[in-house]
C-alpha atoms as a PDB file:
ATOM      1  CA  MET A   1      -8.919   2.947  -7.144  1.00  0.00           C
ATOM      2  CA  SER A   2      -5.612   4.119  -6.030  1.00  0.00           C
ATOM      3  CA  ILE A   3      -1.747   3.666  -6.593  1.00  0.00           C
ATOM      4  CA  VAL A   4       0.815   2.806  -3.711  1.00  0.00           C
ATOM      5  CA  ILE A   5       4.532   2.598  -4.583  1.00  0.00           C
ATOM      6  CA  ALA A   6       7.627   1.697  -2.811  1.00  0.00           C
ATOM      7  CA  VAL A   7      10.989   2.026  -4.052  1.00  0.00           C
ATOM      8  CA  THR A   8      14.407   0.982  -2.529  1.00  0.00           C
ATOM      9  CA  ARG A   9      17.503   2.305  -3.934  1.00  0.00           C
ATOM     10  CA  ASN A  10      21.031   2.827  -2.251  1.00  0.00           C
ATOM     11  CA  ASP A  11      20.250   3.656   1.459  1.00  0.00           C
ATOM     12  CA  SER A  12      16.743   4.796   1.062  1.00  0.00           C
ATOM     13  CA  THR A  13      13.248   3.389   0.877  1.00  0.00           C
ATOM     14  CA  VAL A  14      10.448   5.757  -0.565  1.00  0.00           C
ATOM     15  CA  MET A  15       6.724   5.136  -0.549  1.00  0.00           C
ATOM     16  CA  ALA A  16       4.210   7.102  -2.288  1.00  0.00           C
ATOM     17  CA  ALA A  17       0.597   7.310  -3.254  1.00  0.00           C
ATOM     18  CA  ASP A  18      -2.230   9.370  -4.964  1.00  0.00           C
ATOM     19  CA  THR A  19      -4.662  11.086  -2.819  1.00  0.00           C
ATOM     20  CA  LEU A  20      -7.858  10.586  -4.336  1.00  0.00           C
ATOM     21  CA  THR A  21     -11.057  10.209  -2.457  1.00  0.00           C
ATOM     22  CA  CYS A  22     -13.755   8.270  -3.955  1.00  0.00           C
ATOM     23  CA  PHE A  23     -16.936   7.114  -2.432  1.00  0.00           C
ATOM     24  CA  SER A  24     -18.053   5.067  -5.334  1.00  0.00           C
ATOM     25  CA  ASP A  25     -17.175   4.709  -9.090  1.00  0.00           C
ATOM     26  CA  ASP A  26     -18.981   7.948  -9.980  1.00  0.00           C
ATOM     27  CA  GLU A  27     -18.336  10.024  -6.962  1.00  0.00           C
ATOM     28  CA  GLN A  28     -14.792  11.676  -6.735  1.00  0.00           C
ATOM     29  CA  MET A  29     -14.006  14.356  -4.441  1.00  0.00           C
ATOM     30  CA  PRO A  30     -11.662  17.465  -5.539  1.00  0.00           C
ATOM     31  CA  ALA A  31      -8.410  17.266  -4.045  1.00  0.00           C
ATOM     32  CA  ALA A  32      -9.006  20.619  -2.408  1.00  0.00           C
ATOM     33  CA  ASN A  33     -12.193  19.066  -0.733  1.00  0.00           C
ATOM     34  CA  SER A  34     -10.877  16.061   0.602  1.00  0.00           C
ATOM     35  CA  ARG A  35      -7.495  14.289   0.530  1.00  0.00           C
ATOM     36  CA  SER A  36      -6.906  10.542   1.502  1.00  0.00           C
ATOM     37  CA  GLU A  37      -3.848   9.812   3.294  1.00  0.00           C
ATOM     38  CA  LYS A  38      -3.089   6.277   1.853  1.00  0.00           C
ATOM     39  CA  ILE A  39       0.190   5.905   3.467  1.00  0.00           C
ATOM     40  CA  VAL A  40       0.961   6.055   7.410  1.00  0.00           C
ATOM     41  CA  ARG A  41       3.786   4.997   9.542  1.00  0.00           C
ATOM     42  CA  ILE A  42       3.458   2.066  11.781  1.00  0.00           C
ATOM     43  CA  GLY A  43       6.507   1.707  14.404  1.00  0.00           C
ATOM     44  CA  HIS A  44       9.494   1.637  12.129  1.00  0.00           C
ATOM     45  CA  SER A  45       7.330   0.750   9.091  1.00  0.00           C
ATOM     46  CA  VAL A  46       5.366   2.507   6.570  1.00  0.00           C
ATOM     47  CA  VAL A  47       2.210   0.901   5.410  1.00  0.00           C
ATOM     48  CA  GLY A  48       0.237   1.743   2.219  1.00  0.00           C
ATOM     49  CA  GLY A  49      -3.067   0.421   0.982  1.00  0.00           C
ATOM     50  CA  ALA A  50      -5.136   0.357  -2.279  1.00  0.00           C
ATOM     51  CA  GLY A  51      -8.749  -0.583  -1.924  1.00  0.00           C
ATOM     52  CA  TRP A  52     -11.384   0.024   0.895  1.00  0.00           C
ATOM     53  CA  GLY A  53     -10.584   3.141   2.527  1.00  0.00           C
ATOM     54  CA  LEU A  54     -12.312   1.497   5.732  1.00  0.00           C
ATOM     55  CA  TYR A  55      -8.898  -0.143   6.443  1.00  0.00           C
ATOM     56  CA  ASP A  56      -7.268   3.126   7.759  1.00  0.00           C
ATOM     57  CA  ASP A  57     -10.102   2.902  10.429  1.00  0.00           C
ATOM     58  CA  ILE A  58      -9.568  -0.766  11.119  1.00  0.00           C
ATOM     59  CA  PHE A  59      -5.997  -0.349  11.650  1.00  0.00           C
ATOM     60  CA  ARG A  60      -6.040   2.431  13.792  1.00  0.00           C
ATOM     61  CA  ASP A  61      -8.827   0.724  15.968  1.00  0.00           C
ATOM     62  CA  TYR A  62      -6.862  -2.938  15.801  1.00  0.00           C
ATOM     63  CA  LEU A  63      -3.522  -1.522  16.720  1.00  0.00           C
ATOM     64  CA  ASP A  64      -4.903   0.825  19.457  1.00  0.00           C
ATOM     65  CA  GLY A  65      -2.991  -0.070  22.714  1.00  0.00           C
ATOM     66  CA  ARG A  66      -0.905  -2.661  21.060  1.00  0.00           C
ATOM     67  CA  ASP A  67       2.645  -2.384  20.330  1.00  0.00           C
ATOM     68  CA  ALA A  68       3.327  -1.938  16.849  1.00  0.00           C
ATOM     69  CA  PRO A  69       4.181  -4.828  14.606  1.00  0.00           C
ATOM     70  CA  ALA A  70       7.884  -5.444  13.467  1.00  0.00           C
ATOM     71  CA  PHE A  71       7.044  -6.198  10.010  1.00  0.00           C
ATOM     72  CA  ASP A  72      10.632  -7.497   9.773  1.00  0.00           C
ATOM     73  CA  SER A  73       9.962 -10.700   7.719  1.00  0.00           C
ATOM     74  CA  GLU A  74       7.329 -12.329   5.209  1.00  0.00           C
ATOM     75  CA  HIS A  75       6.361 -14.553   8.064  1.00  0.00           C
ATOM     76  CA  SER A  76       6.145 -11.786  10.777  1.00  0.00           C
ATOM     77  CA  ILE A  77       3.852  -9.833   8.149  1.00  0.00           C
ATOM     78  CA  PHE A  78       1.794 -12.720   7.135  1.00  0.00           C
ATOM     79  CA  LYS A  79       1.304 -13.520  10.918  1.00  0.00           C
ATOM     80  CA  PHE A  80       0.060  -9.824  11.554  1.00  0.00           C
ATOM     81  CA  PHE A  81      -2.610 -10.169   8.550  1.00  0.00           C
ATOM     82  CA  LEU A  82      -3.699 -13.460   9.740  1.00  0.00           C
ATOM     83  CA  ASP A  83      -4.535 -12.122  13.141  1.00  0.00           C
ATOM     84  CA  LEU A  84      -6.060  -9.279  11.661  1.00  0.00           C
ATOM     85  CA  TRP A  85      -8.139 -11.546   9.368  1.00  0.00           C
ATOM     86  CA  LYS A  86      -9.469 -13.283  12.570  1.00  0.00           C
ATOM     87  CA  ALA A  87     -10.097  -9.894  14.054  1.00  0.00           C
ATOM     88  CA  LEU A  88     -12.125  -8.989  11.076  1.00  0.00           C
ATOM     89  CA  HIS A  89     -14.490 -11.690  11.660  1.00  0.00           C
ATOM     90  CA  GLU A  90     -14.749 -11.590  15.371  1.00  0.00           C
ATOM     91  CA  THR A  91     -14.600  -7.934  16.093  1.00  0.00           C
ATOM     92  CA  TYR A  92     -15.477  -6.333  12.776  1.00  0.00           C
ATOM     93  CA  THR A  93     -18.392  -8.394  11.971  1.00  0.00           C
ATOM     94  CA  PHE A  94     -19.329  -6.136   9.114  1.00  0.00           C
ATOM     95  CA  VAL A  95     -16.493  -7.845   6.700  1.00  0.00           C
ATOM     96  CA  ASN A  96     -17.672 -10.378   4.069  1.00  0.00           C
ATOM     97  CA  ASP A  97     -16.076 -13.575   3.672  1.00  0.00           C
ATOM     98  CA  GLN A  98     -15.586 -13.530   0.020  1.00  0.00           C
ATOM     99  CA  ALA A  99     -13.430 -15.266  -2.554  1.00  0.00           C
ATOM    100  CA  ASN A 100     -11.489 -13.526  -5.218  1.00  0.00           C
ATOM    101  CA  GLY A 101     -13.136 -15.578  -7.880  1.00  0.00           C
ATOM    102  CA  LYS A 102     -15.121 -18.992  -8.308  1.00  0.00           C
ATOM    103  CA  GLU A 103     -11.832 -20.993  -8.716  1.00  0.00           C
ATOM    104  CA  SER A 104     -10.169 -19.549  -5.415  1.00  0.00           C
ATOM    105  CA  PRO A 105     -10.244 -21.704  -2.287  1.00  0.00           C
ATOM    106  CA  PHE A 106      -9.047 -18.278  -0.184  1.00  0.00           C
ATOM    107  CA  GLY A 107     -10.917 -15.506   1.343  1.00  0.00           C
ATOM    108  CA  ASP A 108     -10.310 -11.881  -0.092  1.00  0.00           C
ATOM    109  CA  LEU A 109      -9.584  -8.824   1.824  1.00  0.00           C
ATOM    110  CA  ASP A 110     -10.522  -6.949  -1.280  1.00  0.00           C
ATOM    111  CA  SER A 111      -7.805  -4.605  -0.739  1.00  0.00           C
ATOM    112  CA  SER A 112      -3.751  -5.071  -1.072  1.00  0.00           C
ATOM    113  CA  PHE A 113      -1.016  -3.594   0.899  1.00  0.00           C
ATOM    114  CA  ILE A 114       2.673  -2.416   0.472  1.00  0.00           C
ATOM    115  CA  ILE A 115       4.908  -2.279   3.684  1.00  0.00           C
ATOM    116  CA  ALA A 116       8.401  -0.877   3.698  1.00  0.00           C
ATOM    117  CA  ASN A 117      10.943  -0.616   6.289  1.00  0.00           C
ATOM    118  CA  HIS A 118      14.727  -1.211   6.771  1.00  0.00           C
ATOM    119  CA  THR A 119      14.348  -5.165   6.047  1.00  0.00           C
ATOM    120  CA  GLY A 120      12.642  -4.276   2.384  1.00  0.00           C
ATOM    121  CA  VAL A 121       9.317  -3.730   0.387  1.00  0.00           C
ATOM    122  CA  TYR A 122       6.664  -6.239   1.004  1.00  0.00           C
ATOM    123  CA  ARG A 123       3.432  -6.645  -0.877  1.00  0.00           C
ATOM    124  CA  VAL A 124       0.490  -8.119   1.041  1.00  0.00           C
ATOM    125  CA  SER A 125      -2.157  -9.298  -1.630  1.00  0.00           C
ATOM    126  CA  SER A 126      -5.701  -9.487  -1.265  1.00  0.00           C
ATOM    127  CA  ASP A 127      -5.475 -13.339  -0.236  1.00  0.00           C
ATOM    128  CA  LEU A 128      -3.158 -12.344   2.337  1.00  0.00           C
ATOM    129  CA  SER A 129       0.047 -13.940   0.338  1.00  0.00           C
ATOM    130  CA  VAL A 130       2.985 -11.974   1.214  1.00  0.00           C
ATOM    131  CA  SER A 131       5.979 -11.245  -1.451  1.00  0.00           C
ATOM    132  CA  ARG A 132       9.190  -9.231  -1.036  1.00  0.00           C
ATOM    133  CA  PHE A 133      10.756  -7.039  -3.491  1.00  0.00           C
ATOM    134  CA  ASN A 134      14.342  -5.984  -3.572  1.00  0.00           C
ATOM    135  CA  GLN A 135      13.869  -2.770  -5.861  1.00  0.00           C
ATOM    136  CA  TYR A 136      10.224  -1.587  -6.359  1.00  0.00           C
ATOM    137  CA  HIS A 137       6.671  -2.311  -6.597  1.00  0.00           C
ATOM    138  CA  ALA A 138       3.424  -1.123  -6.655  1.00  0.00           C
ATOM    139  CA  THR A 139      -0.359  -2.132  -6.145  1.00  0.00           C
ATOM    140  CA  GLY A 140      -3.573  -0.182  -7.206  1.00  0.00           C
ATOM    141  CA  SER A 141      -5.613   0.373 -10.222  1.00  0.00           C
ATOM    142  CA  GLY A 142      -2.638   2.560 -11.644  1.00  0.00           C
ATOM    143  CA  ALA A 143       0.191  -0.192 -11.080  1.00  0.00           C
ATOM    144  CA  PRO A 144       0.821  -1.274 -14.535  1.00  0.00           C
ATOM    145  CA  TYR A 145       1.765   2.505 -15.317  1.00  0.00           C
ATOM    146  CA  ALA A 146       3.556   2.944 -12.232  1.00  0.00           C
ATOM    147  CA  LEU A 147       5.451  -0.300 -12.749  1.00  0.00           C
ATOM    148  CA  GLY A 148       6.290   0.686 -16.404  1.00  0.00           C
ATOM    149  CA  THR A 149       7.797   3.994 -15.258  1.00  0.00           C
ATOM    150  CA  MET A 150       9.868   2.409 -12.291  1.00  0.00           C
ATOM    151  CA  TYR A 151      11.091   0.015 -14.416  1.00  0.00           C
ATOM    152  CA  THR A 152      12.523   2.524 -17.140  1.00  0.00           C
ATOM    153  CA  LEU A 153      13.789   5.032 -14.302  1.00  0.00           C
ATOM    154  CA  TYR A 154      15.371   2.291 -12.107  1.00  0.00           C
ATOM    155  CA  GLU A 155      18.469   1.990 -14.345  1.00  0.00           C
ATOM    156  CA  SER A 156      18.714   5.734 -14.950  1.00  0.00           C
ATOM    157  CA  GLY A 157      20.105   6.540 -11.684  1.00  0.00           C
ATOM    158  CA  ALA A 158      17.338   8.612 -10.373  1.00  0.00           C
ATOM    159  CA  SER A 159      16.706   8.480  -6.768  1.00  0.00           C
ATOM    160  CA  ALA A 160      14.010   6.451  -4.804  1.00  0.00           C
ATOM    161  CA  ARG A 161      12.161   9.537  -4.315  1.00  0.00           C
ATOM    162  CA  GLU A 162      12.088  10.565  -7.903  1.00  0.00           C
ATOM    163  CA  ILE A 163      11.210   7.266  -9.263  1.00  0.00           C
ATOM    164  CA  ALA A 164       8.339   6.795  -6.750  1.00  0.00           C
ATOM    165  CA  GLU A 165       6.818  10.154  -7.406  1.00  0.00           C
ATOM    166  CA  SER A 166       7.596   9.781 -11.291  1.00  0.00           C
ATOM    167  CA  GLY A 167       5.272   6.204 -10.883  1.00  0.00           C
ATOM    168  CA  VAL A 168       2.345   8.005  -9.137  1.00  0.00           C
ATOM    169  CA  ARG A 169       2.217  10.753 -11.681  1.00  0.00           C
ATOM    170  CA  ALA A 170       2.127   8.384 -14.300  1.00  0.00           C
ATOM    171  CA  ALA A 171      -0.593   6.357 -12.671  1.00  0.00           C
ATOM    172  CA  ILE A 172      -2.447   9.529 -12.079  1.00  0.00           C
ATOM    173  CA  ALA A 173      -1.969  10.767 -15.758  1.00  0.00           C
ATOM    174  CA  PHE A 174      -3.188   7.357 -17.405  1.00  0.00           C
ATOM    175  CA  ASN A 175      -5.634   5.556 -14.743  1.00  0.00           C
ATOM    176  CA  VAL A 176      -9.067   7.203 -14.332  1.00  0.00           C
ATOM    177  CA  TYR A 177      -8.943   5.816 -10.635  1.00  0.00           C
ATOM    178  CA  CYS A 178      -5.895   7.668  -9.778  1.00  0.00           C
ATOM    179  CA  ALA A 179      -5.939  11.409  -8.919  1.00  0.00           C
ATOM    180  CA  GLY A 180      -5.273  13.988  -6.420  1.00  0.00           C
ATOM    181  CA  GLU A 181      -1.845  14.925  -5.203  1.00  0.00           C
ATOM    182  CA  VAL A 182       1.499  12.838  -4.777  1.00  0.00           C
ATOM    183  CA  GLN A 183       1.915  11.897  -0.834  1.00  0.00           C
ATOM    184  CA  THR A 184       5.654  10.562  -0.129  1.00  0.00           C
ATOM    185  CA  LEU A 185       7.280   9.173   3.047  1.00  0.00           C
ATOM    186  CA  GLU A 186      11.002   8.461   3.296  1.00  0.00           C
ATOM    187  CA  ILE A 187      12.512   5.827   5.475  1.00  0.00           C
ATOM    188  CA  GLU A 188      16.365   6.139   6.030  1.00  0.00           C
ATOM    189  CA  ARG A 189      17.272   2.413   6.039  1.00  0.00           C
ATOM    190  CA  ASN A 190      20.812   2.609   7.470  1.00  0.00           C
ATOM    191  CA  HIS A 191      19.414   4.602  10.554  1.00  0.00           C
ATOM    192  CA  LEU A 192      17.187   2.040  12.024  1.00  0.00           C
END
């Protein structure tokens, strides 16, 4: 019930998300009453998640007292999430070991993440697979609308911020599970 977007253009990478707070399919908080920050800085990276908000608390607890992960390659991101998966079962025992479908042999985080930094934009799927994107990507329930908007605007010469914010606004306009304000964080890629 979210939209998280990252766009890279020229020397700029921008991540944007909606701020909707939900407690179930039928309980959404007005933006004036509760605002969910879905993207955060972790070291030199910006991380956004679509899915269970509890992952924000788990990340904070898991990273407390540790060095920030580098997140500088698909392998380093996969390794971090593999270690997190182990911790989810050993330390956070309230996590279910579930599969995304009957045909899947893999467990499922039931959330997906986008990581952006000076090395690129990465998506971590709910089955822990990691993919790198050169221009843009979106995850969450509003992703189809956001991706269409970003595809159209990317060739127009719009800035990374304009593309990302427009993608979030399109998701908010057309997907009932996206709402609130547009949260935006920028990374100057040539300064890291």
